[in-house]
All heavy atoms as atom14 arrays in JSON, in Angstrom:
{
  "sequence": "QRRILSTMQAQGDVLAVYNDIVAPAGLTPEALLVCLQDPAMNQQ",
  "atom14_mask": [
    [1, 1, 1, 1, 1, 1, 1, 1, 1, 0, 0, 0, 0, 0],
    [1, 1, 1, 1, 1, 1, 1, 1, 1, 1, 1, 0, 0, 0],
    [1, 1, 1, 1, 1, 1, 1, 1, 1, 1, 1, 0, 0, 0],
    [1, 1, 1, 1, 1, 1, 1, 1, 0, 0, 0, 0, 0, 0],
    [1, 1, 1, 1, 1, 1, 1, 1, 0, 0, 0, 0, 0, 0],
    [1, 1, 1, 1, 1, 1, 0, 0, 0, 0, 0, 0, 0, 0],
    [1, 1, 1, 1, 1, 1, 1, 0, 0, 0, 0, 0, 0, 0],
    [1, 1, 1, 1, 1, 1, 1, 1, 0, 0, 0, 0, 0, 0],
    [1, 1, 1, 1, 1, 1, 1, 1, 1, 0, 0, 0, 0, 0],
    [1, 1, 1, 1, 1, 0, 0, 0, 0, 0, 0, 0, 0, 0],
    [1, 1, 1, 1, 1, 1, 1, 1, 1, 0, 0, 0, 0, 0],
    [1, 1, 1, 1, 0, 0, 0, 0, 0, 0, 0, 0, 0, 0],
    [1, 1, 1, 1, 1, 1, 1, 1, 0, 0, 0, 0, 0, 0],
    [1, 1, 1, 1, 1, 1, 1, 0, 0, 0, 0, 0, 0, 0],
    [1, 1, 1, 1, 1, 1, 1, 1, 0, 0, 0, 0, 0, 0],
    [1, 1, 1, 1, 1, 0, 0, 0, 0, 0, 0, 0, 0, 0],
    [1, 1, 1, 1, 1, 1, 1, 0, 0, 0, 0, 0, 0, 0],
    [1, 1, 1, 1, 1, 1, 1, 1, 1, 1, 1, 1, 0, 0],
    [1, 1, 1, 1, 1, 1, 1, 1, 0, 0, 0, 0, 0, 0],
    [1, 1, 1, 1, 1, 1, 1, 1, 0, 0, 0, 0, 0, 0],
    [1, 1, 1, 1, 1, 1, 1, 1, 0, 0, 0, 0, 0, 0],
    [1, 1, 1, 1, 1, 1, 1, 0, 0, 0, 0, 0, 0, 0],
    [1, 1, 1, 1, 1, 0, 0, 0, 0, 0, 0, 0, 0, 0],
    [1, 1, 1, 1, 1, 1, 1, 0, 0, 0, 0, 0, 0, 0],
    [1, 1, 1, 1, 1, 0, 0, 0, 0, 0, 0, 0, 0, 0],
    [1, 1, 1, 1, 0, 0, 0, 0, 0, 0, 0, 0, 0, 0],
    [1, 1, 1, 1, 1, 1, 1, 1, 0, 0, 0, 0, 0, 0],
    [1, 1, 1, 1, 1, 1, 1, 0, 0, 0, 0, 0, 0, 0],
    [1, 1, 1, 1, 1, 1, 1, 0, 0, 0, 0, 0, 0, 0],
    [1, 1, 1, 1, 1, 1, 1, 1, 1, 0, 0, 0, 0, 0],
    [1, 1, 1, 1, 1, 0, 0, 0, 0, 0, 0, 0, 0, 0],
    [1, 1, 1, 1, 1, 1, 1, 1, 0, 0, 0, 0, 0, 0],
    [1, 1, 1, 1, 1, 1, 1, 1, 0, 0, 0, 0, 0, 0],
    [1, 1, 1, 1, 1, 1, 1, 0, 0, 0, 0, 0, 0, 0],
    [1, 1, 1, 1, 1, 1, 0, 0, 0, 0, 0, 0, 0, 0],
    [1, 1, 1, 1, 1, 1, 1, 1, 0, 0, 0, 0, 0, 0],
    [1, 1, 1, 1, 1, 1, 1, 1, 1, 0, 0, 0, 0, 0],
    [1, 1, 1, 1, 1, 1, 1, 1, 0, 0, 0, 0, 0, 0],
    [1, 1, 1, 1, 1, 1, 1, 0, 0, 0, 0, 0, 0, 0],
    [1, 1, 1, 1, 1, 0, 0, 0, 0, 0, 0, 0, 0, 0],
    [1, 1, 1, 1, 1, 1, 1, 1, 0, 0, 0, 0, 0, 0],
    [1, 1, 1, 1, 1, 1, 1, 1, 0, 0, 0, 0, 0, 0],
    [1, 1, 1, 1, 1, 1, 1, 1, 1, 0, 0, 0, 0, 0],
    [1, 1, 1, 1, 1, 1, 1, 1, 1, 0, 0, 0, 0, 0]
  ],
  "atom14_positions": [
    [[41.18, 41.1, 130.48], [41.03, 42.01, 131.68], [42.22, 42.92, 131.87], [42.05, 44.14, 132.08], [40.84, 41.12, 132.92], [40.58, 41.92, 134.21], [40.59, 41.07, 135.45], [41.66, 40.91, 136.09], [39.49, 40.54, 135.77], [0.0, 0.0, 0.0], [0.0, 0.0, 0.0], [0.0, 0.0, 0.0], [0.0, 0.0, 0.0], [0.0, 0.0, 0.0]],
    [[43.41, 42.43, 131.76], [44.58, 43.27, 131.98], [44.67, 44.35, 130.91], [45.03, 45.51, 131.22], [45.88, 42.42, 131.89], [46.08, 41.53, 133.11], [47.47, 40.91, 133.06], [47.75, 40.1, 134.29], [48.85, 39.45, 134.5], [49.86, 39.54, 133.64], [49.02, 38.75, 135.61], [0.0, 0.0, 0.0], [0.0, 0.0, 0.0], [0.0, 0.0, 0.0]],
    [[44.3, 44.02, 129.7], [44.36, 45.05, 128.63], [43.27, 46.12, 128.91], [43.56, 47.31, 128.69], [44.05, 44.33, 127.28], [44.1, 45.3, 126.11], [43.73, 44.59, 124.83], [43.6, 45.47, 123.68], [42.91, 45.14, 122.61], [42.35, 43.95, 122.45], [42.85, 46.05, 121.61], [0.0, 0.0, 0.0], [0.0, 0.0, 0.0], [0.0, 0.0, 0.0]],
    [[42.14, 45.73, 129.39], [41.08, 46.68, 129.7], [41.51, 47.63, 130.79], [41.43, 48.83, 130.72], [39.77, 45.94, 130.08], [39.18, 45.2, 128.94], [38.74, 46.93, 130.64], [38.04, 44.25, 129.34], [0.0, 0.0, 0.0], [0.0, 0.0, 0.0], [0.0, 0.0, 0.0], [0.0, 0.0, 0.0], [0.0, 0.0, 0.0], [0.0, 0.0, 0.0]],
    [[42.04, 47.04, 131.85], [42.44, 47.82, 133.04], [43.63, 48.76, 132.73], [43.67, 49.91, 133.16], [42.79, 46.9, 134.2], [41.6, 46.16, 134.81], [42.1, 45.14, 135.86], [40.63, 47.12, 135.46], [0.0, 0.0, 0.0], [0.0, 0.0, 0.0], [0.0, 0.0, 0.0], [0.0, 0.0, 0.0], [0.0, 0.0, 0.0], [0.0, 0.0, 0.0]],
    [[44.58, 48.24, 131.96], [45.76, 49.08, 131.64], [45.34, 50.22, 130.72], [45.87, 51.31, 130.83], [46.85, 48.23, 130.99], [46.4, 47.63, 129.79], [0.0, 0.0, 0.0], [0.0, 0.0, 0.0], [0.0, 0.0, 0.0], [0.0, 0.0, 0.0], [0.0, 0.0, 0.0], [0.0, 0.0, 0.0], [0.0, 0.0, 0.0], [0.0, 0.0, 0.0]],
    [[44.42, 49.95, 129.78], [43.92, 51.02, 128.91], [43.19, 52.05, 129.72], [43.32, 53.26, 129.44], [43.02, 50.41, 127.84], [43.71, 49.45, 127.1], [42.52, 51.52, 126.87], [0.0, 0.0, 0.0], [0.0, 0.0, 0.0], [0.0, 0.0, 0.0], [0.0, 0.0, 0.0], [0.0, 0.0, 0.0], [0.0, 0.0, 0.0], [0.0, 0.0, 0.0]],
    [[42.39, 51.62, 130.68], [41.65, 52.59, 131.52], [42.63, 53.43, 132.32], [42.48, 54.67, 132.4], [40.72, 51.81, 132.47], [39.89, 52.76, 133.36], [38.94, 51.88, 134.63], [40.26, 51.4, 135.73], [0.0, 0.0, 0.0], [0.0, 0.0, 0.0], [0.0, 0.0, 0.0], [0.0, 0.0, 0.0], [0.0, 0.0, 0.0], [0.0, 0.0, 0.0]],
    [[43.65, 52.79, 132.9], [44.65, 53.54, 133.66], [45.41, 54.53, 132.86], [45.8, 55.57, 133.31], [45.57, 52.54, 134.4], [44.92, 51.69, 135.46], [45.74, 50.56, 135.91], [46.81, 50.28, 135.36], [45.25, 49.79, 136.92], [0.0, 0.0, 0.0], [0.0, 0.0, 0.0], [0.0, 0.0, 0.0], [0.0, 0.0, 0.0], [0.0, 0.0, 0.0]],
    [[45.59, 54.21, 131.58], [46.31, 55.09, 130.68], [45.39, 56.11, 130.04], [45.84, 56.9, 129.2], [47.02, 54.3, 129.58], [0.0, 0.0, 0.0], [0.0, 0.0, 0.0], [0.0, 0.0, 0.0], [0.0, 0.0, 0.0], [0.0, 0.0, 0.0], [0.0, 0.0, 0.0], [0.0, 0.0, 0.0], [0.0, 0.0, 0.0], [0.0, 0.0, 0.0]],
    [[44.12, 56.08, 130.41], [43.09, 56.99, 129.89], [42.98, 56.82, 128.38], [42.79, 57.81, 127.63], [43.4, 58.45, 130.26], [43.39, 58.68, 131.77], [43.57, 60.12, 132.19], [44.12, 60.9, 131.39], [43.16, 60.49, 133.34], [0.0, 0.0, 0.0], [0.0, 0.0, 0.0], [0.0, 0.0, 0.0], [0.0, 0.0, 0.0], [0.0, 0.0, 0.0]],
    [[43.05, 55.56, 127.92], [42.94, 55.29, 126.49], [41.53, 54.95, 126.13], [40.57, 55.18, 126.91], [0.0, 0.0, 0.0], [0.0, 0.0, 0.0], [0.0, 0.0, 0.0], [0.0, 0.0, 0.0], [0.0, 0.0, 0.0], [0.0, 0.0, 0.0], [0.0, 0.0, 0.0], [0.0, 0.0, 0.0], [0.0, 0.0, 0.0], [0.0, 0.0, 0.0]],
    [[41.37, 54.43, 124.95], [40.0, 54.12, 124.38], [39.56, 52.75, 124.86], [39.74, 51.72, 124.21], [40.04, 54.19, 122.86], [38.69, 54.15, 122.24], [37.72, 53.83, 122.96], [38.57, 54.43, 121.04], [0.0, 0.0, 0.0], [0.0, 0.0, 0.0], [0.0, 0.0, 0.0], [0.0, 0.0, 0.0], [0.0, 0.0, 0.0], [0.0, 0.0, 0.0]],
    [[38.9, 52.71, 126.06], [38.5, 51.45, 126.6], [37.4, 50.78, 125.79], [37.36, 49.56, 125.61], [38.02, 51.64, 128.05], [37.54, 50.29, 128.66], [39.13, 52.19, 128.9], [0.0, 0.0, 0.0], [0.0, 0.0, 0.0], [0.0, 0.0, 0.0], [0.0, 0.0, 0.0], [0.0, 0.0, 0.0], [0.0, 0.0, 0.0], [0.0, 0.0, 0.0]],
    [[36.54, 51.63, 125.23], [35.43, 51.06, 124.42], [35.98, 50.32, 123.21], [35.42, 49.25, 122.83], [34.5, 52.2, 123.98], [33.29, 51.74, 123.14], [32.43, 50.74, 123.9], [32.45, 52.95, 122.73], [0.0, 0.0, 0.0], [0.0, 0.0, 0.0], [0.0, 0.0, 0.0], [0.0, 0.0, 0.0], [0.0, 0.0, 0.0], [0.0, 0.0, 0.0]],
    [[37.05, 50.84, 122.64], [37.64, 50.16, 121.47], [38.16, 48.78, 121.88], [38.1, 47.81, 121.09], [38.76, 51.01, 120.88], [0.0, 0.0, 0.0], [0.0, 0.0, 0.0], [0.0, 0.0, 0.0], [0.0, 0.0, 0.0], [0.0, 0.0, 0.0], [0.0, 0.0, 0.0], [0.0, 0.0, 0.0], [0.0, 0.0, 0.0], [0.0, 0.0, 0.0]],
    [[38.68, 48.65, 123.08], [39.19, 47.39, 123.58], [38.02, 46.4, 123.72], [38.09, 45.22, 123.33], [39.91, 47.55, 124.93], [40.38, 46.17, 125.49], [41.11, 48.47, 124.78], [0.0, 0.0, 0.0], [0.0, 0.0, 0.0], [0.0, 0.0, 0.0], [0.0, 0.0, 0.0], [0.0, 0.0, 0.0], [0.0, 0.0, 0.0], [0.0, 0.0, 0.0]],
    [[36.9, 46.86, 124.3], [35.74, 46.02, 124.42], [35.24, 45.56, 123.06], [34.84, 44.43, 122.87], [34.61, 46.78, 125.18], [34.75, 46.68, 126.68], [35.1, 47.85, 127.41], [34.48, 45.52, 127.38], [35.23, 47.79, 128.8], [34.58, 45.47, 128.76], [34.98, 46.6, 129.46], [35.12, 46.56, 130.82], [0.0, 0.0, 0.0], [0.0, 0.0, 0.0]],
    [[35.26, 46.5, 122.09], [34.82, 46.13, 120.75], [35.66, 45.02, 120.16], [35.15, 44.07, 119.53], [34.87, 47.37, 119.86], [33.75, 48.34, 120.12], [32.67, 48.01, 120.57], [34.01, 49.64, 119.84], [0.0, 0.0, 0.0], [0.0, 0.0, 0.0], [0.0, 0.0, 0.0], [0.0, 0.0, 0.0], [0.0, 0.0, 0.0], [0.0, 0.0, 0.0]],
    [[36.96, 45.09, 120.4], [37.86, 44.02, 119.93], [37.55, 42.67, 120.59], [37.58, 41.63, 119.94], [39.35, 44.37, 120.19], [39.83, 45.49, 119.26], [39.15, 45.74, 118.2], [40.9, 46.07, 119.57], [0.0, 0.0, 0.0], [0.0, 0.0, 0.0], [0.0, 0.0, 0.0], [0.0, 0.0, 0.0], [0.0, 0.0, 0.0], [0.0, 0.0, 0.0]],
    [[37.28, 42.76, 121.86], [37.03, 41.53, 122.67], [35.78, 40.81, 122.22], [35.72, 39.59, 122.13], [37.04, 41.85, 124.14], [38.45, 42.22, 124.64], [36.46, 40.68, 124.99], [38.49, 42.75, 126.05], [0.0, 0.0, 0.0], [0.0, 0.0, 0.0], [0.0, 0.0, 0.0], [0.0, 0.0, 0.0], [0.0, 0.0, 0.0], [0.0, 0.0, 0.0]],
    [[34.71, 41.57, 122.02], [33.4, 40.95, 121.74], [33.13, 40.68, 120.25], [32.2, 39.94, 119.88], [32.25, 41.8, 122.3], [32.4, 42.0, 123.81], [32.12, 43.13, 121.61], [0.0, 0.0, 0.0], [0.0, 0.0, 0.0], [0.0, 0.0, 0.0], [0.0, 0.0, 0.0], [0.0, 0.0, 0.0], [0.0, 0.0, 0.0], [0.0, 0.0, 0.0]],
    [[33.95, 41.23, 119.38], [33.72, 41.1, 117.92], [33.68, 39.65, 117.48], [32.79, 39.31, 116.68], [34.81, 41.85, 117.15], [0.0, 0.0, 0.0], [0.0, 0.0, 0.0], [0.0, 0.0, 0.0], [0.0, 0.0, 0.0], [0.0, 0.0, 0.0], [0.0, 0.0, 0.0], [0.0, 0.0, 0.0], [0.0, 0.0, 0.0], [0.0, 0.0, 0.0]],
    [[34.54, 38.72, 117.96], [34.47, 37.36, 117.52], [33.13, 36.68, 117.85], [32.78, 35.67, 117.23], [35.63, 36.65, 118.28], [36.58, 37.77, 118.53], [35.73, 38.98, 118.82], [0.0, 0.0, 0.0], [0.0, 0.0, 0.0], [0.0, 0.0, 0.0], [0.0, 0.0, 0.0], [0.0, 0.0, 0.0], [0.0, 0.0, 0.0], [0.0, 0.0, 0.0]],
    [[32.39, 37.2, 118.82], [31.13, 36.62, 119.19], [29.96, 37.22, 118.33], [28.79, 36.89, 118.58], [30.85, 36.86, 120.68], [0.0, 0.0, 0.0], [0.0, 0.0, 0.0], [0.0, 0.0, 0.0], [0.0, 0.0, 0.0], [0.0, 0.0, 0.0], [0.0, 0.0, 0.0], [0.0, 0.0, 0.0], [0.0, 0.0, 0.0], [0.0, 0.0, 0.0]],
    [[30.32, 38.08, 117.38], [29.31, 38.66, 116.51], [28.68, 39.98, 116.96], [27.73, 40.43, 116.37], [0.0, 0.0, 0.0], [0.0, 0.0, 0.0], [0.0, 0.0, 0.0], [0.0, 0.0, 0.0], [0.0, 0.0, 0.0], [0.0, 0.0, 0.0], [0.0, 0.0, 0.0], [0.0, 0.0, 0.0], [0.0, 0.0, 0.0], [0.0, 0.0, 0.0]],
    [[29.24, 40.53, 118.03], [28.73, 41.82, 118.51], [29.42, 42.97, 117.77], [30.62, 43.09, 117.8], [28.99, 41.96, 120.0], [27.86, 41.51, 120.94], [28.3, 41.71, 122.4], [26.6, 42.27, 120.69], [0.0, 0.0, 0.0], [0.0, 0.0, 0.0], [0.0, 0.0, 0.0], [0.0, 0.0, 0.0], [0.0, 0.0, 0.0], [0.0, 0.0, 0.0]],
    [[28.63, 43.82, 117.12], [29.18, 44.98, 116.46], [29.4, 46.11, 117.44], [28.78, 46.14, 118.51], [28.24, 45.46, 115.35], [27.02, 45.93, 115.96], [27.9, 44.33, 114.37], [0.0, 0.0, 0.0], [0.0, 0.0, 0.0], [0.0, 0.0, 0.0], [0.0, 0.0, 0.0], [0.0, 0.0, 0.0], [0.0, 0.0, 0.0], [0.0, 0.0, 0.0]],
    [[30.25, 47.06, 117.09], [30.43, 48.24, 117.98], [29.14, 48.96, 118.25], [28.87, 49.43, 119.37], [31.44, 49.12, 117.22], [32.2, 48.16, 116.4], [31.21, 47.09, 115.99], [0.0, 0.0, 0.0], [0.0, 0.0, 0.0], [0.0, 0.0, 0.0], [0.0, 0.0, 0.0], [0.0, 0.0, 0.0], [0.0, 0.0, 0.0], [0.0, 0.0, 0.0]],
    [[28.27, 49.05, 117.22], [26.98, 49.72, 117.38], [26.09, 49.0, 118.38], [25.46, 49.61, 119.25], [26.32, 49.89, 116.04], [27.01, 50.78, 115.05], [28.19, 50.09, 114.38], [28.34, 48.86, 114.46], [29.04, 50.84, 113.78], [0.0, 0.0, 0.0], [0.0, 0.0, 0.0], [0.0, 0.0, 0.0], [0.0, 0.0, 0.0], [0.0, 0.0, 0.0]],
    [[26.04, 47.69, 118.27], [25.21, 46.86, 119.17], [25.69, 46.94, 120.58], [24.88, 47.08, 121.55], [25.15, 45.39, 118.67], [0.0, 0.0, 0.0], [0.0, 0.0, 0.0], [0.0, 0.0, 0.0], [0.0, 0.0, 0.0], [0.0, 0.0, 0.0], [0.0, 0.0, 0.0], [0.0, 0.0, 0.0], [0.0, 0.0, 0.0], [0.0, 0.0, 0.0]],
    [[27.01, 46.89, 120.76], [27.56, 46.95, 122.13], [27.25, 48.31, 122.75], [26.89, 48.38, 123.93], [29.05, 46.7, 122.09], [29.75, 46.79, 123.45], [29.2, 45.79, 124.43], [31.26, 46.62, 123.28], [0.0, 0.0, 0.0], [0.0, 0.0, 0.0], [0.0, 0.0, 0.0], [0.0, 0.0, 0.0], [0.0, 0.0, 0.0], [0.0, 0.0, 0.0]],
    [[27.4, 49.36, 121.99], [27.17, 50.7, 122.54], [25.72, 50.84, 122.98], [25.42, 51.45, 124.0], [27.51, 51.78, 121.51], [27.43, 53.22, 121.97], [28.37, 53.47, 123.14], [27.75, 54.2, 120.84], [0.0, 0.0, 0.0], [0.0, 0.0, 0.0], [0.0, 0.0, 0.0], [0.0, 0.0, 0.0], [0.0, 0.0, 0.0], [0.0, 0.0, 0.0]],
    [[24.79, 50.32, 122.17], [23.39, 50.38, 122.55], [23.17, 49.66, 123.85], [22.42, 50.13, 124.72], [22.5, 49.71, 121.42], [21.08, 49.5, 121.9], [22.51, 50.59, 120.17], [0.0, 0.0, 0.0], [0.0, 0.0, 0.0], [0.0, 0.0, 0.0], [0.0, 0.0, 0.0], [0.0, 0.0, 0.0], [0.0, 0.0, 0.0], [0.0, 0.0, 0.0]],
    [[23.78, 48.5, 124.03], [23.58, 47.74, 125.28], [24.2, 48.52, 126.46], [23.59, 48.62, 127.54], [24.28, 46.4, 125.16], [23.41, 45.21, 124.11], [0.0, 0.0, 0.0], [0.0, 0.0, 0.0], [0.0, 0.0, 0.0], [0.0, 0.0, 0.0], [0.0, 0.0, 0.0], [0.0, 0.0, 0.0], [0.0, 0.0, 0.0], [0.0, 0.0, 0.0]],
    [[25.39, 49.07, 126.27], [26.06, 49.81, 127.38], [25.24, 51.01, 127.84], [25.32, 51.42, 128.97], [27.45, 50.16, 126.98], [28.46, 49.03, 126.82], [29.76, 49.55, 126.21], [28.74, 48.34, 128.13], [0.0, 0.0, 0.0], [0.0, 0.0, 0.0], [0.0, 0.0, 0.0], [0.0, 0.0, 0.0], [0.0, 0.0, 0.0], [0.0, 0.0, 0.0]],
    [[24.49, 51.62, 126.86], [23.75, 52.81, 127.19], [22.31, 52.52, 127.55], [21.58, 53.46, 127.86], [23.8, 53.79, 125.97], [25.19, 54.35, 125.71], [25.23, 55.23, 124.46], [24.36, 55.16, 123.57], [26.25, 56.1, 124.4], [0.0, 0.0, 0.0], [0.0, 0.0, 0.0], [0.0, 0.0, 0.0], [0.0, 0.0, 0.0], [0.0, 0.0, 0.0]],
    [[21.93, 51.26, 127.51], [20.53, 50.88, 127.79], [20.26, 50.93, 129.33], [20.87, 50.15, 130.07], [20.31, 49.47, 127.27], [18.84, 49.03, 127.4], [18.06, 49.75, 128.1], [18.5, 47.94, 126.91], [0.0, 0.0, 0.0], [0.0, 0.0, 0.0], [0.0, 0.0, 0.0], [0.0, 0.0, 0.0], [0.0, 0.0, 0.0], [0.0, 0.0, 0.0]],
    [[19.37, 51.78, 129.77], [19.05, 51.85, 131.22], [18.6, 50.54, 131.78], [18.94, 50.2, 132.94], [17.98, 52.94, 131.3], [18.16, 53.76, 130.08], [18.64, 52.79, 129.01], [0.0, 0.0, 0.0], [0.0, 0.0, 0.0], [0.0, 0.0, 0.0], [0.0, 0.0, 0.0], [0.0, 0.0, 0.0], [0.0, 0.0, 0.0], [0.0, 0.0, 0.0]],
    [[17.84, 49.8, 131.03], [17.32, 48.5, 131.51], [18.44, 47.5, 131.76], [18.45, 46.76, 132.71], [16.27, 47.95, 130.52], [0.0, 0.0, 0.0], [0.0, 0.0, 0.0], [0.0, 0.0, 0.0], [0.0, 0.0, 0.0], [0.0, 0.0, 0.0], [0.0, 0.0, 0.0], [0.0, 0.0, 0.0], [0.0, 0.0, 0.0], [0.0, 0.0, 0.0]],
    [[19.44, 47.47, 130.81], [20.5, 46.55, 130.97], [21.4, 46.98, 132.14], [22.0, 46.14, 132.83], [21.32, 46.47, 129.7], [20.55, 45.8, 128.57], [21.59, 45.16, 127.22], [22.31, 43.69, 128.01], [0.0, 0.0, 0.0], [0.0, 0.0, 0.0], [0.0, 0.0, 0.0], [0.0, 0.0, 0.0], [0.0, 0.0, 0.0], [0.0, 0.0, 0.0]],
    [[21.55, 48.28, 132.31], [22.34, 48.74, 133.47], [21.65, 48.39, 134.82], [22.3, 47.98, 135.79], [22.54, 50.25, 133.4], [23.68, 50.64, 132.46], [24.83, 50.78, 132.9], [23.41, 50.8, 131.18], [0.0, 0.0, 0.0], [0.0, 0.0, 0.0], [0.0, 0.0, 0.0], [0.0, 0.0, 0.0], [0.0, 0.0, 0.0], [0.0, 0.0, 0.0]],
    [[20.32, 48.5, 134.84], [19.57, 48.12, 135.99], [19.7, 46.62, 136.26], [19.86, 46.16, 137.42], [18.12, 48.53, 135.85], [17.28, 48.14, 137.05], [15.82, 48.59, 136.91], [15.49, 49.38, 136.06], [14.97, 48.08, 137.81], [0.0, 0.0, 0.0], [0.0, 0.0, 0.0], [0.0, 0.0, 0.0], [0.0, 0.0, 0.0], [0.0, 0.0, 0.0]],
    [[19.61, 45.83, 135.19], [19.75, 44.39, 135.3], [21.09, 43.99, 135.84], [21.19, 43.08, 136.7], [19.54, 43.74, 133.95], [19.56, 42.2, 134.02], [19.49, 41.57, 132.6], [20.25, 41.95, 131.72], [18.6, 40.61, 132.48], [0.0, 0.0, 0.0], [0.0, 0.0, 0.0], [0.0, 0.0, 0.0], [0.0, 0.0, 0.0], [0.0, 0.0, 0.0]]
  ]
}
């Protein structure tokens, strides 16, 4: 969380931080981006 927030405050690449965080669980950058842009998941 601190890394995400500090990156956001520094106007850095927050998506890259998320990619690093979720990678050990088997989520690829492509799969995460699809989820983040999915209107249904945003509504959920």
